[in-house]
N, C-alpha and C. Protein backbone atom coordinates (compact mmCIF):
# COMPACT_ATOMS: atom_id res chain seq x y z
N MET A 1 8.60 1.26 4.32
CA MET A 1 8.19 2.58 4.38
C MET A 1 6.63 3.03 5.39
N ALA A 2 5.91 1.91 5.08
CA ALA A 2 5.12 1.37 6.27
C ALA A 2 5.46 1.42 7.82
N SER A 3 6.86 1.02 7.68
CA SER A 3 7.37 0.99 9.10
C SER A 3 7.92 2.12 9.69
N THR A 4 8.66 2.77 9.11
CA THR A 4 9.11 3.90 8.88
C THR A 4 8.10 4.86 9.23
N PHE A 5 6.97 5.42 8.58
CA PHE A 5 5.89 6.41 8.87
C PHE A 5 5.43 5.84 10.40
N PHE A 6 5.45 4.28 11.11
CA PHE A 6 4.79 4.03 12.07
C PHE A 6 5.59 4.33 13.26
N THR A 7 7.05 3.98 12.74
CA THR A 7 8.15 4.39 13.61
C THR A 7 8.14 6.32 13.97
N TRP A 8 7.80 6.42 12.96
CA TRP A 8 8.22 8.31 13.49
C TRP A 8 6.61 8.73 13.85
N LEU A 9 5.40 8.02 13.87
CA LEU A 9 4.01 8.26 14.44
C LEU A 9 4.32 7.86 16.03
N ARG A 10 4.75 7.44 16.40
CA ARG A 10 5.22 7.05 17.69
C ARG A 10 6.44 8.04 18.50
N SER A 11 6.75 9.11 17.61
CA SER A 11 8.18 9.71 17.90
C SER A 11 7.52 11.28 18.81
N PRO A 12 8.68 11.87 19.26
CA PRO A 12 8.28 12.98 20.21
C PRO A 12 8.00 13.85 18.79
N ALA A 13 8.82 13.47 17.79
CA ALA A 13 8.51 14.64 16.61
C ALA A 13 6.94 14.40 15.61
N ALA A 14 6.25 13.65 16.16
CA ALA A 14 5.03 13.13 15.69
C ALA A 14 3.98 14.28 16.37
N ARG A 15 4.31 13.67 17.80
CA ARG A 15 3.48 14.86 18.75
C ARG A 15 3.44 15.54 18.68
N GLU A 16 4.55 16.47 18.36
CA GLU A 16 4.87 18.03 18.22
C GLU A 16 4.32 18.50 17.20
N TYR A 17 3.86 18.01 15.73
CA TYR A 17 3.27 17.77 14.32
C TYR A 17 1.60 18.04 15.06
N PHE A 18 1.51 17.21 15.57
CA PHE A 18 -0.02 16.59 15.57
C PHE A 18 -0.69 17.72 16.84
N PHE A 19 0.12 18.37 17.31
CA PHE A 19 -0.37 19.50 18.70
C PHE A 19 -0.07 20.92 18.15
N SER A 20 0.19 20.80 16.75
CA SER A 20 1.04 22.33 16.04
C SER A 20 -0.11 22.94 15.37
N ALA A 21 -0.15 24.13 15.14
CA ALA A 21 -0.97 25.16 14.06
C ALA A 21 -0.63 24.58 13.04
N HIS A 22 0.66 24.01 12.00
CA HIS A 22 0.74 23.72 11.03
C HIS A 22 -0.06 21.68 11.03
N PHE A 23 -0.27 21.91 11.38
CA PHE A 23 -1.33 19.98 11.46
C PHE A 23 -2.90 20.93 11.53
N TRP A 24 -3.22 21.17 12.76
CA TRP A 24 -4.34 21.51 13.11
C TRP A 24 -5.23 22.92 12.01
N GLY A 25 -4.68 24.06 11.62
CA GLY A 25 -5.11 24.95 11.05
C GLY A 25 -5.74 24.09 9.58
N PRO A 26 -4.73 23.51 8.90
CA PRO A 26 -5.03 23.00 7.82
C PRO A 26 -6.16 21.95 7.95
N ALA A 27 -6.08 21.42 8.98
CA ALA A 27 -7.10 20.13 9.51
C ALA A 27 -8.28 20.65 8.88
N ALA A 28 -8.22 21.81 10.09
CA ALA A 28 -9.90 22.49 10.07
C ALA A 28 -10.32 23.47 9.00
N ASN A 29 -9.24 23.84 7.63
CA ASN A 29 -9.39 24.27 6.77
C ASN A 29 -9.85 23.86 5.88
N TRP A 30 -9.75 22.26 6.11
CA TRP A 30 -10.36 20.88 4.75
C TRP A 30 -12.11 21.86 4.47
N GLY A 31 -12.81 22.41 5.59
CA GLY A 31 -14.03 22.69 5.27
C GLY A 31 -14.38 23.46 3.93
N LEU A 32 -13.29 24.05 3.99
CA LEU A 32 -13.52 24.89 2.84
C LEU A 32 -13.72 24.35 1.52
N PRO A 33 -12.27 23.19 0.74
CA PRO A 33 -12.35 22.57 -0.24
C PRO A 33 -13.37 22.03 -0.62
N LEU A 34 -14.02 21.15 1.06
CA LEU A 34 -15.51 20.04 0.48
C LEU A 34 -16.18 20.78 0.54
N ALA A 35 -17.08 21.72 0.91
CA ALA A 35 -17.97 22.54 0.57
C ALA A 35 -17.64 22.79 -0.86
N ALA A 36 -16.69 23.52 -1.28
CA ALA A 36 -16.44 23.65 -2.66
C ALA A 36 -16.42 22.57 -3.56
N LEU A 37 -15.97 21.38 -3.13
CA LEU A 37 -16.43 20.93 -3.74
C LEU A 37 -18.23 20.06 -4.08
N ALA A 38 -18.34 19.91 -2.82
CA ALA A 38 -20.12 19.73 -2.75
C ALA A 38 -20.51 20.57 -3.34
N ASP A 39 -20.30 21.77 -3.81
CA ASP A 39 -20.85 22.55 -4.65
C ASP A 39 -21.27 22.41 -5.90
N LEU A 40 -19.99 21.78 -6.49
CA LEU A 40 -20.21 21.41 -7.75
C LEU A 40 -21.43 20.96 -8.52
N ARG A 41 -22.46 20.44 -7.63
CA ARG A 41 -23.37 19.41 -7.89
C ARG A 41 -24.92 20.25 -8.13
N LYS A 42 -24.41 21.63 -7.51
CA LYS A 42 -25.65 22.38 -7.01
C LYS A 42 -25.84 22.92 -8.65
N ASP A 43 -26.99 23.97 -8.68
CA ASP A 43 -27.37 24.68 -9.98
C ASP A 43 -26.72 25.53 -10.12
N GLU A 44 -26.79 26.16 -11.24
CA GLU A 44 -25.36 27.21 -11.05
C GLU A 44 -25.64 28.65 -10.87
N GLU A 45 -27.85 28.27 -10.88
CA GLU A 45 -27.90 29.86 -10.76
C GLU A 45 -27.35 30.54 -9.33
N VAL A 46 -27.37 29.10 -8.71
CA VAL A 46 -26.46 30.05 -7.29
C VAL A 46 -25.43 30.87 -7.24
N ILE A 47 -24.61 30.49 -7.88
CA ILE A 47 -23.09 30.39 -7.98
C ILE A 47 -23.08 32.20 -7.98
N SER A 48 -22.40 32.65 -6.61
CA SER A 48 -21.49 33.34 -6.43
C SER A 48 -20.56 34.03 -7.30
N GLY A 49 -20.52 34.78 -8.39
CA GLY A 49 -19.29 35.11 -9.40
C GLY A 49 -18.33 35.78 -8.42
N PRO A 50 -18.61 37.13 -7.65
CA PRO A 50 -17.84 37.96 -7.08
C PRO A 50 -16.81 36.63 -5.60
N MET A 51 -17.99 36.06 -5.00
CA MET A 51 -17.60 34.93 -3.97
C MET A 51 -16.67 34.25 -4.34
N THR A 52 -16.90 33.40 -5.78
CA THR A 52 -16.11 32.26 -6.18
C THR A 52 -14.35 32.99 -6.47
N SER A 53 -14.73 33.90 -6.69
CA SER A 53 -13.42 34.87 -7.97
C SER A 53 -12.65 35.35 -6.12
N ALA A 54 -13.70 35.50 -5.49
CA ALA A 54 -12.22 35.86 -3.71
C ALA A 54 -11.84 34.84 -3.54
N LEU A 55 -12.98 33.61 -3.00
CA LEU A 55 -12.17 32.00 -2.73
C LEU A 55 -11.13 31.40 -3.53
N ALA A 56 -11.07 32.13 -5.11
CA ALA A 56 -10.08 31.01 -5.45
C ALA A 56 -8.55 32.45 -5.53
N CYS A 57 -8.68 33.67 -5.30
CA CYS A 57 -7.75 34.27 -4.83
C CYS A 57 -7.13 34.15 -3.67
N LEU A 58 -7.53 34.01 -2.84
CA LEU A 58 -7.86 33.44 -1.63
C LEU A 58 -6.85 32.27 -0.95
N SER A 59 -7.21 31.60 -2.02
CA SER A 59 -6.60 30.12 -1.76
C SER A 59 -5.22 29.90 -2.67
N ILE A 60 -4.80 31.03 -4.01
CA ILE A 60 -3.93 30.97 -4.53
C ILE A 60 -2.64 31.81 -3.61
N VAL A 61 -3.19 32.73 -2.87
CA VAL A 61 -2.22 33.14 -2.03
C VAL A 61 -2.31 32.47 -1.51
N PHE A 62 -2.91 31.83 -0.44
CA PHE A 62 -2.39 30.76 0.90
C PHE A 62 -1.58 29.71 0.35
N MET A 63 -1.83 29.54 -0.89
CA MET A 63 -0.84 27.72 -1.92
C MET A 63 0.78 28.91 -1.86
N ARG A 64 0.73 29.82 -2.22
CA ARG A 64 1.90 30.27 -2.06
C ARG A 64 2.56 30.42 -0.73
N PHE A 65 1.74 31.15 0.32
CA PHE A 65 2.18 31.39 1.52
C PHE A 65 2.49 29.61 2.32
N ALA A 66 2.03 28.65 1.99
CA ALA A 66 2.48 27.26 2.60
C ALA A 66 3.53 26.76 1.88
N TRP A 67 4.19 27.18 0.75
CA TRP A 67 4.86 26.30 -0.09
C TRP A 67 5.97 27.74 0.63
N ARG A 68 6.08 28.86 0.79
CA ARG A 68 7.18 29.77 1.47
C ARG A 68 7.72 29.49 2.43
N VAL A 69 6.26 29.01 3.78
CA VAL A 69 6.33 29.31 4.80
C VAL A 69 8.05 28.14 5.56
N GLN A 70 8.44 28.35 6.40
CA GLN A 70 9.32 27.59 6.46
C GLN A 70 9.18 26.86 7.79
N PRO A 71 9.11 25.00 8.33
CA PRO A 71 8.72 24.36 7.16
C PRO A 71 7.65 24.70 6.03
N ARG A 72 7.92 23.96 4.90
CA ARG A 72 6.64 23.65 4.31
C ARG A 72 5.57 23.10 5.01
N ASN A 73 4.40 23.70 4.70
CA ASN A 73 3.21 23.43 4.82
C ASN A 73 2.23 22.72 4.30
N TYR A 74 2.73 21.44 3.97
CA TYR A 74 2.59 20.68 2.57
C TYR A 74 0.88 20.22 2.67
N LEU A 75 0.42 20.00 3.63
CA LEU A 75 -1.63 20.14 4.13
C LEU A 75 -2.17 21.15 4.06
N LEU A 76 -1.08 22.36 3.86
CA LEU A 76 -1.77 23.11 3.93
C LEU A 76 -2.07 23.50 2.64
N PHE A 77 -1.06 23.47 1.42
CA PHE A 77 -0.59 23.78 0.52
C PHE A 77 -1.47 22.61 -0.30
N ALA A 78 -1.76 21.19 -0.02
CA ALA A 78 -2.69 20.14 -0.71
C ALA A 78 -4.37 21.05 -0.40
N CYS A 79 -4.95 21.41 0.91
CA CYS A 79 -6.06 22.17 1.22
C CYS A 79 -6.38 23.31 0.37
N HIS A 80 -5.74 23.81 -0.07
CA HIS A 80 -5.85 25.38 -1.01
C HIS A 80 -5.45 24.97 -2.26
N ALA A 81 -4.63 23.78 -3.05
CA ALA A 81 -5.01 23.83 -4.07
C ALA A 81 -5.96 23.31 -4.40
N THR A 82 -6.45 22.22 -3.73
CA THR A 82 -8.09 21.35 -3.94
C THR A 82 -9.08 23.00 -4.36
N ASN A 83 -9.18 23.95 -2.84
CA ASN A 83 -9.78 24.78 -3.16
C ASN A 83 -9.82 25.49 -4.17
N ALA A 84 -8.68 25.77 -4.87
CA ALA A 84 -8.92 26.99 -5.62
C ALA A 84 -9.03 25.76 -7.36
N THR A 85 -8.88 24.81 -6.93
CA THR A 85 -9.19 23.89 -8.00
C THR A 85 -10.78 23.59 -8.42
N ALA A 86 -11.44 23.48 -7.50
CA ALA A 86 -12.84 23.74 -6.98
C ALA A 86 -13.29 25.27 -7.70
N GLN A 87 -13.01 26.45 -7.11
CA GLN A 87 -13.06 27.43 -6.80
C GLN A 87 -12.98 27.69 -8.79
N GLY A 88 -12.10 27.44 -9.29
CA GLY A 88 -11.64 27.57 -10.75
C GLY A 88 -12.77 26.39 -11.60
N ILE A 89 -13.31 25.38 -11.24
CA ILE A 89 -14.53 25.13 -11.87
C ILE A 89 -15.48 25.88 -11.68
N GLN A 90 -15.80 26.51 -10.39
CA GLN A 90 -17.11 26.88 -9.96
C GLN A 90 -17.20 28.38 -10.78
N GLU A 91 -16.21 28.38 -11.10
CA GLU A 91 -16.45 30.16 -12.40
C GLU A 91 -16.47 29.94 -13.30
N ILE A 92 -15.93 28.69 -14.38
CA ILE A 92 -16.01 28.25 -15.31
C ILE A 92 -17.26 28.33 -15.84
N ARG A 93 -18.24 27.12 -14.64
CA ARG A 93 -19.63 27.37 -14.48
C ARG A 93 -20.07 28.06 -14.36
N PHE A 94 -20.15 29.23 -13.45
CA PHE A 94 -20.24 30.31 -13.58
C PHE A 94 -20.45 31.68 -14.64
N MET A 95 -19.32 31.51 -15.27
CA MET A 95 -19.49 32.37 -16.71
C MET A 95 -20.40 31.79 -17.58
N ARG A 96 -20.17 30.40 -18.10
CA ARG A 96 -20.44 29.52 -18.81
C ARG A 96 -22.05 30.10 -18.80
N TYR A 97 -22.89 29.66 -17.01
CA TYR A 97 -24.29 29.63 -17.49
C TYR A 97 -24.63 31.10 -17.60
N TRP A 98 -24.17 32.05 -17.00
CA TRP A 98 -24.48 33.82 -16.82
C TRP A 98 -24.34 34.29 -18.30
N TYR A 99 -23.09 33.75 -18.86
CA TYR A 99 -22.58 34.98 -20.04
C TYR A 99 -21.92 34.17 -21.26
N LEU A 100 -22.54 33.18 -21.14
CA LEU A 100 -22.13 31.85 -22.51
C LEU A 100 -23.38 31.03 -23.01
N GLY A 101 -24.23 32.06 -23.02
CA GLY A 101 -25.69 30.90 -23.00
C GLY A 101 -26.19 29.74 -22.68
N GLY A 102 -25.62 29.72 -21.22
CA GLY A 102 -25.80 28.34 -20.34
C GLY A 102 -27.74 28.59 -20.10
N ARG A 103 -27.30 29.35 -19.56
CA ARG A 103 -29.41 29.86 -18.84
C ARG A 103 -29.59 29.79 -20.10
N GLU A 104 -29.75 30.21 -21.20
CA GLU A 104 -30.80 29.73 -22.61
C GLU A 104 -30.15 28.62 -22.79
N ASP A 105 -29.76 28.23 -22.68
CA ASP A 105 -29.69 26.70 -23.77
C ASP A 105 -30.64 25.71 -22.82
N LYS A 106 -30.41 26.00 -20.65
CA LYS A 106 -30.98 25.33 -19.84
C LYS A 106 -32.65 25.90 -19.77
N SER A 107 -32.75 26.74 -20.09
CA SER A 107 -34.39 26.35 -20.57
C SER A 107 -34.73 26.76 -20.95
N GLY A 108 -34.46 26.90 -22.41
CA GLY A 108 -35.18 26.50 -23.43
C GLY A 108 -35.80 27.77 -24.32
N VAL A 109 -35.33 29.10 -23.61
CA VAL A 109 -35.45 30.34 -24.56
C VAL A 109 -35.25 30.20 -25.33
N THR A 110 -34.01 30.28 -25.70
CA THR A 110 -32.97 30.31 -27.14
C THR A 110 -34.31 29.44 -28.41
N SER A 111 -34.76 28.19 -27.84
CA SER A 111 -35.83 27.84 -28.92
C SER A 111 -36.85 28.29 -28.83
N GLN A 112 -37.75 28.58 -28.01
CA GLN A 112 -39.43 29.16 -27.94
C GLN A 112 -38.91 30.44 -28.07
N VAL A 113 -37.95 31.64 -28.37
CA VAL A 113 -37.87 32.47 -29.31
C VAL A 113 -37.61 32.55 -31.33
N GLY A 114 -37.24 31.68 -31.37
CA GLY A 114 -37.02 30.52 -32.79
C GLY A 114 -37.93 30.83 -33.11
N ASP A 115 -39.42 29.38 -32.22
CA ASP A 115 -40.26 29.10 -32.75
C ASP A 115 -41.51 30.69 -32.86
N LYS A 116 -41.25 31.76 -32.07
CA LYS A 116 -42.45 33.03 -32.57
C LYS A 116 -42.25 33.58 -33.46
N VAL A 117 -40.91 33.55 -33.64
CA VAL A 117 -40.37 34.50 -35.03
C VAL A 117 -40.92 33.37 -36.28
N ASN A 118 -40.37 32.04 -35.78
CA ASN A 118 -41.55 31.27 -37.48
C ASN A 118 -42.51 31.81 -37.50
N GLU A 119 -43.17 31.97 -36.31
CA GLU A 119 -45.04 31.28 -36.92
C GLU A 119 -45.70 33.18 -37.58
N THR A 120 -44.44 34.05 -37.10
CA THR A 120 -44.60 35.18 -37.57
C THR A 120 -44.85 35.54 -39.10
């Protein structure tokens, strides 16, 4: 299999592929999912819910485009599948932090309020 790949790499078809938008578009686009993966380590307070939702929707739309275009653009599909997954995780983190009590758990607000109620 490796010899077949290296034979293809030396062919004019490979040069045509590597000098086309089917390669350089998705290759340049990998910055988006790489940034999203790096953001998974950041604090939940800095996550923008609307932007995360917009980026997830954008990636889902472009995943469909990459699959439907002929010839199929697997590199673009993989790029947007990675981004959609990372944005989905970010959206879960956002919802958990802002709407499901994560902020209170993290700051200890719930225990402080409970202590004050017990004091009175």
